[in-house]
PDB file of N, CA and C in Angstrom:
ATOM      1  N   MET A   1     -49.912  -2.797 -10.115  1.00  0.00           N
ATOM      2  CA  MET A   1     -50.374  -4.051 -10.730  1.00  0.00           C
ATOM      3  C   MET A   1     -51.570  -3.774 -11.650  1.00  0.00           C
ATOM      4  N   LYS A   2     -51.566  -4.391 -12.800  1.00  0.00           N
ATOM      5  CA  LYS A   2     -52.677  -4.183 -13.744  1.00  0.00           C
ATOM      6  C   LYS A   2     -53.877  -5.039 -13.358  1.00  0.00           C
ATOM      7  N   LYS A   3     -55.043  -4.562 -13.725  1.00  0.00           N
ATOM      8  CA  LYS A   3     -56.270  -5.302 -13.413  1.00  0.00           C
ATOM      9  C   LYS A   3     -56.232  -6.690 -14.064  1.00  0.00           C
ATOM     10  N   GLY A   4     -55.824  -6.743 -15.319  1.00  0.00           N
ATOM     11  CA  GLY A   4     -55.775  -8.023 -16.034  1.00  0.00           C
ATOM     12  C   GLY A   4     -54.833  -9.012 -15.370  1.00  0.00           C
ATOM     13  N   GLU A   5     -53.659  -8.533 -14.999  1.00  0.00           N
ATOM     14  CA  GLU A   5     -52.682  -9.427 -14.372  1.00  0.00           C
ATOM     15  C   GLU A   5     -53.241 -10.023 -13.088  1.00  0.00           C
ATOM     16  N   PHE A   6     -53.890  -9.188 -12.282  1.00  0.00           N
ATOM     17  CA  PHE A   6     -54.444  -9.667 -11.018  1.00  0.00           C
ATOM     18  C   PHE A   6     -55.495 -10.745 -11.280  1.00  0.00           C
ATOM     19  N   THR A   7     -56.328 -10.511 -12.285  1.00  0.00           N
ATOM     20  CA  THR A   7     -57.375 -11.482 -12.611  1.00  0.00           C
ATOM     21  C   THR A   7     -56.748 -12.799 -13.055  1.00  0.00           C
ATOM     22  N   VAL A   8     -55.773 -12.721 -13.932  1.00  0.00           N
ATOM     23  CA  VAL A   8     -55.123 -13.938 -14.431  1.00  0.00           C
ATOM     24  C   VAL A   8     -54.506 -14.711 -13.277  1.00  0.00           C
ATOM     25  N   GLU A   9     -53.856 -13.998 -12.384  1.00  0.00           N
ATOM     26  CA  GLU A   9     -53.220 -14.680 -11.243  1.00  0.00           C
ATOM     27  C   GLU A   9     -54.265 -15.403 -10.410  1.00  0.00           C
ATOM     28  N   LYS A  10     -55.377 -14.732 -10.151  1.00  0.00           N
ATOM     29  CA  LYS A  10     -56.439 -15.350  -9.342  1.00  0.00           C
ATOM     30  C   LYS A  10     -56.989 -16.576 -10.053  1.00  0.00           C
ATOM     31  N   VAL A  11     -57.245 -16.438 -11.340  1.00  0.00           N
ATOM     32  CA  VAL A  11     -57.803 -17.560 -12.114  1.00  0.00           C
ATOM     33  C   VAL A  11     -56.822 -18.725 -12.137  1.00  0.00           C
ATOM     34  N   GLU A  12     -55.567 -18.429 -12.395  1.00  0.00           N
ATOM     35  CA  GLU A  12     -54.564 -19.503 -12.447  1.00  0.00           C
ATOM     36  C   GLU A  12     -54.481 -20.230 -11.114  1.00  0.00           C
ATOM     37  N   GLY A  13     -54.490 -19.471 -10.027  1.00  0.00           N
ATOM     38  CA  GLY A  13     -54.420 -20.089  -8.702  1.00  0.00           C
ATOM     39  C   GLY A  13     -55.616 -20.991  -8.456  1.00  0.00           C
ATOM     40  N   ALA A  14     -56.792 -20.515  -8.821  1.00  0.00           N
ATOM     41  CA  ALA A  14     -58.006 -21.309  -8.612  1.00  0.00           C
ATOM     42  C   ALA A  14     -57.974 -22.562  -9.482  1.00  0.00           C
ATOM     43  N   LEU A  15     -57.604 -22.404 -10.732  1.00  0.00           N
ATOM     44  CA  LEU A  15     -57.576 -23.557 -11.644  1.00  0.00           C
ATOM     45  C   LEU A  15     -56.564 -24.590 -11.164  1.00  0.00           C
ATOM     46  N   ARG A  16     -55.428 -24.110 -10.668  1.00  0.00           N
ATOM     47  CA  ARG A  16     -54.406 -25.053 -10.194  1.00  0.00           C
ATOM     48  C   ARG A  16     -54.959 -25.882  -9.049  1.00  0.00           C
ATOM     49  N   ARG A  17     -55.720 -25.236  -8.159  1.00  0.00           N
ATOM     50  CA  ARG A  17     -56.270 -25.980  -7.017  1.00  0.00           C
ATOM     51  C   ARG A  17     -57.359 -26.935  -7.491  1.00  0.00           C
ATOM     52  N   ILE A  18     -58.161 -26.498  -8.464  1.00  0.00           N
ATOM     53  CA  ILE A  18     -59.309 -27.313  -8.893  1.00  0.00           C
ATOM     54  C   ILE A  18     -58.867 -28.417  -9.854  1.00  0.00           C
ATOM     55  N   PHE A  19     -58.146 -28.047 -10.908  1.00  0.00           N
ATOM     56  CA  PHE A  19     -57.804 -29.011 -11.954  1.00  0.00           C
ATOM     57  C   PHE A  19     -56.393 -29.564 -11.811  1.00  0.00           C
ATOM     58  N   GLY A  20     -55.469 -28.750 -11.353  1.00  0.00           N
ATOM     59  CA  GLY A  20     -54.087 -29.201 -11.247  1.00  0.00           C
ATOM     60  C   GLY A  20     -53.234 -28.628 -12.368  1.00  0.00           C
ATOM     61  N   GLU A  21     -51.942 -28.933 -12.298  1.00  0.00           N
ATOM     62  CA  GLU A  21     -50.994 -28.358 -13.262  1.00  0.00           C
ATOM     63  C   GLU A  21     -51.358 -28.729 -14.697  1.00  0.00           C
ATOM     64  N   LYS A  22     -51.870 -29.929 -14.916  1.00  0.00           N
ATOM     65  CA  LYS A  22     -52.185 -30.386 -16.275  1.00  0.00           C
ATOM     66  C   LYS A  22     -53.157 -29.415 -16.950  1.00  0.00           C
ATOM     67  N   SER A  23     -54.264 -29.109 -16.272  1.00  0.00           N
ATOM     68  CA  SER A  23     -55.258 -28.207 -16.858  1.00  0.00           C
ATOM     69  C   SER A  23     -54.657 -26.824 -17.075  1.00  0.00           C
ATOM     70  N   LYS A  24     -53.829 -26.382 -16.146  1.00  0.00           N
ATOM     71  CA  LYS A  24     -53.204 -25.064 -16.274  1.00  0.00           C
ATOM     72  C   LYS A  24     -52.402 -25.003 -17.572  1.00  0.00           C
ATOM     73  N   LYS A  25     -51.699 -26.083 -17.879  1.00  0.00           N
ATOM     74  CA  LYS A  25     -50.899 -26.129 -19.101  1.00  0.00           C
ATOM     75  C   LYS A  25     -51.821 -26.026 -20.320  1.00  0.00           C
ATOM     76  N   GLU A  26     -52.905 -26.772 -20.324  1.00  0.00           N
ATOM     77  CA  GLU A  26     -53.832 -26.753 -21.462  1.00  0.00           C
ATOM     78  C   GLU A  26     -54.409 -25.362 -21.658  1.00  0.00           C
ATOM     79  N   ILE A  27     -54.824 -24.732 -20.576  1.00  0.00           N
ATOM     80  CA  ILE A  27     -55.422 -23.394 -20.660  1.00  0.00           C
ATOM     81  C   ILE A  27     -54.389 -22.399 -21.184  1.00  0.00           C
ATOM     82  N   SER A  28     -53.164 -22.486 -20.693  1.00  0.00           N
ATOM     83  CA  SER A  28     -52.118 -21.562 -21.148  1.00  0.00           C
ATOM     84  C   SER A  28     -51.918 -21.714 -22.650  1.00  0.00           C
ATOM     85  N   GLY A  29     -51.936 -22.944 -23.144  1.00  0.00           N
ATOM     86  CA  GLY A  29     -51.757 -23.179 -24.576  1.00  0.00           C
ATOM     87  C   GLY A  29     -52.915 -22.599 -25.367  1.00  0.00           C
ATOM     88  N   ASN A  30     -54.132 -22.716 -24.847  1.00  0.00           N
ATOM     89  CA  ASN A  30     -55.299 -22.193 -25.550  1.00  0.00           C
ATOM     90  C   ASN A  30     -55.267 -20.677 -25.617  1.00  0.00           C
ATOM     91  N   MET A  31     -54.799 -20.037 -24.554  1.00  0.00           N
ATOM     92  CA  MET A  31     -54.797 -18.570 -24.508  1.00  0.00           C
ATOM     93  C   MET A  31     -53.818 -17.988 -25.520  1.00  0.00           C
ATOM     94  N   GLU A  32     -52.703 -18.683 -25.750  1.00  0.00           N
ATOM     95  CA  GLU A  32     -51.679 -18.138 -26.661  1.00  0.00           C
ATOM     96  C   GLU A  32     -52.136 -18.196 -28.103  1.00  0.00           C
TER      97      GLU A  32
END
């Protein structure tokens, strides 16, 4: 597993718990 992938997974999991799917979608769009 790559370091970056692990970090992204952790961040996504945390954001999903804190903000919910809506915020996750917005963040994904911003990253692209």
